[in-house]
Amino acid sequence: MKPLLKTKEAARFLNISERKLWELTNRGEIPSVRIPPRSVRYDPIDLRAWIQQKKKRGRRD
């Protein structure tokens, strides 16, 4: 089992800023694991799935 990623690691994984990652997390667009009292972690499998979901598909004509 792969370990959960911290915010900095997840942002690097997605090649986005930590600020953008927080925006997406707070809007509920990116799956995260909240660990009380204030920690947030990200599962790399969830991040890969999110990337796949966001990929633009080519149109078939």
PDB file of N, CA and C in Angstrom:
ATOM      1  N   MET A   1       0.845  -1.177   0.000  1.00  0.00           N
ATOM      2  CA  MET A   1       0.000   0.000   0.000  1.00  0.00           C
ATOM      3  C   MET A   1       0.893   1.245   0.000  1.00  0.00           C
ATOM      4  N   LYS A   2       0.579   2.185  -0.879  1.00  0.00           N
ATOM      5  CA  LYS A   2       1.361   3.416  -0.957  1.00  0.00           C
ATOM      6  C   LYS A   2       0.913   4.364   0.148  1.00  0.00           C
ATOM      7  N   PRO A   3       1.867   5.110   0.686  1.00  0.00           N
ATOM      8  CA  PRO A   3       1.500   6.065   1.742  1.00  0.00           C
ATOM      9  C   PRO A   3       0.714   7.250   1.172  1.00  0.00           C
ATOM     10  N   LEU A   4      -0.037   7.877   2.042  1.00  0.00           N
ATOM     11  CA  LEU A   4      -0.762   9.082   1.658  1.00  0.00           C
ATOM     12  C   LEU A   4       0.225  10.236   1.505  1.00  0.00           C
ATOM     13  N   LEU A   5      -0.087  11.138   0.600  1.00  0.00           N
ATOM     14  CA  LEU A   5       0.788  12.276   0.328  1.00  0.00           C
ATOM     15  C   LEU A   5       0.380  13.488   1.147  1.00  0.00           C
ATOM     16  N   LYS A   6       1.373  14.236   1.590  1.00  0.00           N
ATOM     17  CA  LYS A   6       1.121  15.516   2.240  1.00  0.00           C
ATOM     18  C   LYS A   6       0.792  16.535   1.149  1.00  0.00           C
ATOM     19  N   THR A   7       0.315  17.691   1.558  1.00  0.00           N
ATOM     20  CA  THR A   7      -0.118  18.719   0.612  1.00  0.00           C
ATOM     21  C   THR A   7       0.972  19.080  -0.386  1.00  0.00           C
ATOM     22  N   LYS A   8       2.158  19.327   0.092  1.00  0.00           N
ATOM     23  CA  LYS A   8       3.263  19.717  -0.790  1.00  0.00           C
ATOM     24  C   LYS A   8       3.559  18.615  -1.816  1.00  0.00           C
ATOM     25  N   GLU A   9       3.553  17.362  -1.353  1.00  0.00           N
ATOM     26  CA  GLU A   9       3.821  16.226  -2.235  1.00  0.00           C
ATOM     27  C   GLU A   9       2.709  16.060  -3.276  1.00  0.00           C
ATOM     28  N   ALA A  10       1.460  16.218  -2.846  1.00  0.00           N
ATOM     29  CA  ALA A  10       0.332  16.077  -3.761  1.00  0.00           C
ATOM     30  C   ALA A  10       0.344  17.185  -4.816  1.00  0.00           C
ATOM     31  N   ALA A  11       0.654  18.395  -4.410  1.00  0.00           N
ATOM     32  CA  ALA A  11       0.735  19.511  -5.355  1.00  0.00           C
ATOM     33  C   ALA A  11       1.832  19.246  -6.385  1.00  0.00           C
ATOM     34  N   ARG A  12       2.951  18.747  -5.935  1.00  0.00           N
ATOM     35  CA  ARG A  12       4.049  18.417  -6.843  1.00  0.00           C
ATOM     36  C   ARG A  12       3.623  17.287  -7.790  1.00  0.00           C
ATOM     37  N   PHE A  13       2.929  16.289  -7.251  1.00  0.00           N
ATOM     38  CA  PHE A  13       2.436  15.159  -8.040  1.00  0.00           C
ATOM     39  C   PHE A  13       1.539  15.647  -9.176  1.00  0.00           C
ATOM     40  N   LEU A  14       0.685  16.636  -8.885  1.00  0.00           N
ATOM     41  CA  LEU A  14      -0.247  17.178  -9.875  1.00  0.00           C
ATOM     42  C   LEU A  14       0.348  18.320 -10.694  1.00  0.00           C
ATOM     43  N   ASN A  15       1.539  18.753 -10.315  1.00  0.00           N
ATOM     44  CA  ASN A  15       2.202  19.869 -10.980  1.00  0.00           C
ATOM     45  C   ASN A  15       1.365  21.149 -10.912  1.00  0.00           C
ATOM     46  N   ILE A  16       0.822  21.405  -9.720  1.00  0.00           N
ATOM     47  CA  ILE A  16       0.070  22.630  -9.461  1.00  0.00           C
ATOM     48  C   ILE A  16       0.582  23.235  -8.157  1.00  0.00           C
ATOM     49  N   SER A  17       0.198  24.460  -7.877  1.00  0.00           N
ATOM     50  CA  SER A  17       0.626  25.104  -6.641  1.00  0.00           C
ATOM     51  C   SER A  17      -0.151  24.531  -5.452  1.00  0.00           C
ATOM     52  N   GLU A  18       0.415  24.676  -4.275  1.00  0.00           N
ATOM     53  CA  GLU A  18      -0.288  24.249  -3.070  1.00  0.00           C
ATOM     54  C   GLU A  18      -1.577  25.044  -2.896  1.00  0.00           C
ATOM     55  N   ARG A  19      -1.542  26.298  -3.260  1.00  0.00           N
ATOM     56  CA  ARG A  19      -2.735  27.147  -3.149  1.00  0.00           C
ATOM     57  C   ARG A  19      -3.869  26.611  -4.025  1.00  0.00           C
ATOM     58  N   LYS A  20      -3.538  26.251  -5.274  1.00  0.00           N
ATOM     59  CA  LYS A  20      -4.546  25.692  -6.179  1.00  0.00           C
ATOM     60  C   LYS A  20      -5.069  24.365  -5.642  1.00  0.00           C
ATOM     61  N   LEU A  21      -4.183  23.547  -5.073  1.00  0.00           N
ATOM     62  CA  LEU A  21      -4.608  22.280  -4.485  1.00  0.00           C
ATOM     63  C   LEU A  21      -5.594  22.519  -3.354  1.00  0.00           C
ATOM     64  N   TRP A  22      -5.316  23.506  -2.497  1.00  0.00           N
ATOM     65  CA  TRP A  22      -6.240  23.836  -1.407  1.00  0.00           C
ATOM     66  C   TRP A  22      -7.588  24.287  -1.946  1.00  0.00           C
ATOM     67  N   GLU A  23      -7.578  25.097  -3.017  1.00  0.00           N
ATOM     68  CA  GLU A  23      -8.833  25.549  -3.626  1.00  0.00           C
ATOM     69  C   GLU A  23      -9.658  24.349  -4.091  1.00  0.00           C
ATOM     70  N   LEU A  24      -9.025  23.451  -4.815  1.00  0.00           N
ATOM     71  CA  LEU A  24      -9.721  22.262  -5.323  1.00  0.00           C
ATOM     72  C   LEU A  24     -10.207  21.368  -4.188  1.00  0.00           C
ATOM     73  N   THR A  25      -9.398  21.253  -3.152  1.00  0.00           N
ATOM     74  CA  THR A  25      -9.770  20.433  -1.996  1.00  0.00           C
ATOM     75  C   THR A  25     -10.967  21.032  -1.281  1.00  0.00           C
ATOM     76  N   ASN A  26     -10.919  22.322  -1.034  1.00  0.00           N
ATOM     77  CA  ASN A  26     -12.001  22.987  -0.306  1.00  0.00           C
ATOM     78  C   ASN A  26     -13.318  22.991  -1.087  1.00  0.00           C
ATOM     79  N   ARG A  27     -13.233  22.947  -2.411  1.00  0.00           N
ATOM     80  CA  ARG A  27     -14.446  22.872  -3.237  1.00  0.00           C
ATOM     81  C   ARG A  27     -14.937  21.436  -3.377  1.00  0.00           C
ATOM     82  N   GLY A  28     -14.175  20.491  -2.857  1.00  0.00           N
ATOM     83  CA  GLY A  28     -14.566  19.088  -2.923  1.00  0.00           C
ATOM     84  C   GLY A  28     -14.277  18.438  -4.269  1.00  0.00           C
ATOM     85  N   GLU A  29     -13.442  19.068  -5.082  1.00  0.00           N
ATOM     86  CA  GLU A  29     -13.133  18.527  -6.404  1.00  0.00           C
ATOM     87  C   GLU A  29     -12.064  17.444  -6.357  1.00  0.00           C
ATOM     88  N   ILE A  30     -11.182  17.517  -5.376  1.00  0.00           N
ATOM     89  CA  ILE A  30     -10.117  16.532  -5.232  1.00  0.00           C
ATOM     90  C   ILE A  30     -10.361  15.747  -3.961  1.00  0.00           C
ATOM     91  N   PRO A  31     -10.347  14.426  -4.045  1.00  0.00           N
ATOM     92  CA  PRO A  31     -10.552  13.617  -2.838  1.00  0.00           C
ATOM     93  C   PRO A  31      -9.392  13.795  -1.859  1.00  0.00           C
ATOM     94  N   SER A  32      -9.722  13.863  -0.597  1.00  0.00           N
ATOM     95  CA  SER A  32      -8.686  14.013   0.426  1.00  0.00           C
ATOM     96  C   SER A  32      -9.110  13.258   1.678  1.00  0.00           C
ATOM     97  N   VAL A  33      -8.137  13.044   2.546  1.00  0.00           N
ATOM     98  CA  VAL A  33      -8.376  12.387   3.831  1.00  0.00           C
ATOM     99  C   VAL A  33      -8.039  13.412   4.904  1.00  0.00           C
ATOM    100  N   ARG A  34      -9.004  13.748   5.708  1.00  0.00           N
ATOM    101  CA  ARG A  34      -8.763  14.702   6.805  1.00  0.00           C
ATOM    102  C   ARG A  34      -8.399  13.919   8.051  1.00  0.00           C
ATOM    103  N   ILE A  35      -7.282  14.297   8.643  1.00  0.00           N
ATOM    104  CA  ILE A  35      -6.802  13.654   9.860  1.00  0.00           C
ATOM    105  C   ILE A  35      -6.789  14.714  10.951  1.00  0.00           C
ATOM    106  N   PRO A  36      -7.708  14.595  11.907  1.00  0.00           N
ATOM    107  CA  PRO A  36      -7.797  15.610  12.963  1.00  0.00           C
ATOM    108  C   PRO A  36      -6.485  15.739  13.727  1.00  0.00           C
ATOM    109  N   PRO A  37      -6.126  16.938  14.204  1.00  0.00           N
ATOM    110  CA  PRO A  37      -6.995  18.106  14.175  1.00  0.00           C
ATOM    111  C   PRO A  37      -6.919  18.905  12.880  1.00  0.00           C
ATOM    112  N   ARG A  38      -5.730  18.960  12.187  1.00  0.00           N
ATOM    113  CA  ARG A  38      -5.654  19.852  11.026  1.00  0.00           C
ATOM    114  C   ARG A  38      -4.898  19.280   9.836  1.00  0.00           C
ATOM    115  N   SER A  39      -4.646  18.016   9.813  1.00  0.00           N
ATOM    116  CA  SER A  39      -3.876  17.434   8.715  1.00  0.00           C
ATOM    117  C   SER A  39      -4.785  16.978   7.577  1.00  0.00           C
ATOM    118  N   VAL A  40      -4.277  17.129   6.369  1.00  0.00           N
ATOM    119  CA  VAL A  40      -4.972  16.649   5.177  1.00  0.00           C
ATOM    120  C   VAL A  40      -3.961  15.840   4.377  1.00  0.00           C
ATOM    121  N   ARG A  41      -4.397  14.691   3.882  1.00  0.00           N
ATOM    122  CA  ARG A  41      -3.537  13.833   3.073  1.00  0.00           C
ATOM    123  C   ARG A  41      -4.281  13.444   1.810  1.00  0.00           C
ATOM    124  N   TYR A  42      -3.505  13.007   0.810  1.00  0.00           N
ATOM    125  CA  TYR A  42      -4.066  12.655  -0.489  1.00  0.00           C
ATOM    126  C   TYR A  42      -3.562  11.278  -0.893  1.00  0.00           C
ATOM    127  N   ASP A  43      -4.473  10.459  -1.391  1.00  0.00           N
ATOM    128  CA  ASP A  43      -4.132   9.126  -1.858  1.00  0.00           C
ATOM    129  C   ASP A  43      -3.694   9.235  -3.323  1.00  0.00           C
ATOM    130  N   PRO A  44      -2.489   8.771  -3.662  1.00  0.00           N
ATOM    131  CA  PRO A  44      -2.023   8.860  -5.049  1.00  0.00           C
ATOM    132  C   PRO A  44      -2.965   8.169  -6.043  1.00  0.00           C
ATOM    133  N   ILE A  45      -3.624   7.106  -5.619  1.00  0.00           N
ATOM    134  CA  ILE A  45      -4.573   6.413  -6.500  1.00  0.00           C
ATOM    135  C   ILE A  45      -5.747   7.338  -6.827  1.00  0.00           C
ATOM    136  N   ASP A  46      -6.252   8.063  -5.823  1.00  0.00           N
ATOM    137  CA  ASP A  46      -7.335   9.021  -6.050  1.00  0.00           C
ATOM    138  C   ASP A  46      -6.885  10.156  -6.965  1.00  0.00           C
ATOM    139  N   LEU A  47      -5.657  10.610  -6.795  1.00  0.00           N
ATOM    140  CA  LEU A  47      -5.150  11.699  -7.634  1.00  0.00           C
ATOM    141  C   LEU A  47      -5.042  11.251  -9.090  1.00  0.00           C
ATOM    142  N   ARG A  48      -4.570  10.023  -9.305  1.00  0.00           N
ATOM    143  CA  ARG A  48      -4.491   9.497 -10.678  1.00  0.00           C
ATOM    144  C   ARG A  48      -5.881   9.389 -11.299  1.00  0.00           C
ATOM    145  N   ALA A  49      -6.848   8.920 -10.522  1.00  0.00           N
ATOM    146  CA  ALA A  49      -8.226   8.804 -11.015  1.00  0.00           C
ATOM    147  C   ALA A  49      -8.779  10.179 -11.356  1.00  0.00           C
ATOM    148  N   TRP A  50      -8.475  11.173 -10.534  1.00  0.00           N
ATOM    149  CA  TRP A  50      -8.936  12.541 -10.788  1.00  0.00           C
ATOM    150  C   TRP A  50      -8.347  13.056 -12.101  1.00  0.00           C
ATOM    151  N   ILE A  51      -7.062  12.776 -12.327  1.00  0.00           N
ATOM    152  CA  ILE A  51      -6.408  13.185 -13.572  1.00  0.00           C
ATOM    153  C   ILE A  51      -7.116  12.540 -14.761  1.00  0.00           C
ATOM    154  N   GLN A  52      -7.379  11.244 -14.681  1.00  0.00           N
ATOM    155  CA  GLN A  52      -8.048  10.537 -15.777  1.00  0.00           C
ATOM    156  C   GLN A  52      -9.422  11.141 -16.059  1.00  0.00           C
ATOM    157  N   GLN A  53     -10.126  11.479 -15.003  1.00  0.00           N
ATOM    158  CA  GLN A  53     -11.463  12.057 -15.142  1.00  0.00           C
ATOM    159  C   GLN A  53     -11.401  13.429 -15.827  1.00  0.00           C
ATOM    160  N   LYS A  54     -10.343  14.169 -15.582  1.00  0.00           N
ATOM    161  CA  LYS A  54     -10.218  15.529 -16.114  1.00  0.00           C
ATOM    162  C   LYS A  54      -9.647  15.583 -17.521  1.00  0.00           C
ATOM    163  N   LYS A  55      -9.103  14.480 -18.001  1.00  0.00           N
ATOM    164  CA  LYS A  55      -8.526  14.487 -19.354  1.00  0.00           C
ATOM    165  C   LYS A  55      -9.608  14.775 -20.366  1.00  0.00           C
ATOM    166  N   LYS A  56      -9.273  15.616 -21.315  1.00  0.00           N
ATOM    167  CA  LYS A  56     -10.210  15.931 -22.377  1.00  0.00           C
ATOM    168  C   LYS A  56     -10.131  14.830 -23.415  1.00  0.00           C
ATOM    169  N   ARG A  57     -11.266  14.371 -23.801  1.00  0.00           N
ATOM    170  CA  ARG A  57     -11.345  13.318 -24.812  1.00  0.00           C
ATOM    171  C   ARG A  57     -11.497  13.951 -26.195  1.00  0.00           C
ATOM    172  N   GLY A  58     -10.843  13.377 -27.171  1.00  0.00           N
ATOM    173  CA  GLY A  58     -10.968  13.865 -28.538  1.00  0.00           C
ATOM    174  C   GLY A  58     -12.352  13.543 -29.085  1.00  0.00           C
ATOM    175  N   ARG A  59     -12.828  14.393 -29.960  1.00  0.00           N
ATOM    176  CA  ARG A  59     -14.146  14.160 -30.562  1.00  0.00           C
ATOM    177  C   ARG A  59     -13.997  13.168 -31.717  1.00  0.00           C
ATOM    178  N   ARG A  60     -14.985  12.304 -31.836  1.00  0.00           N
ATOM    179  CA  ARG A  60     -15.022  11.388 -32.994  1.00  0.00           C
ATOM    180  C   ARG A  60     -15.984  11.974 -34.009  1.00  0.00           C
ATOM    181  N   ASP A  61     -15.470  12.239 -35.182  1.00  0.00           N
ATOM    182  CA  ASP A  61     -16.325  12.789 -36.251  1.00  0.00           C
ATOM    183  C   ASP A  61     -16.446  11.789 -37.376  1.00  0.00           C
TER     184      ASP A  61
END
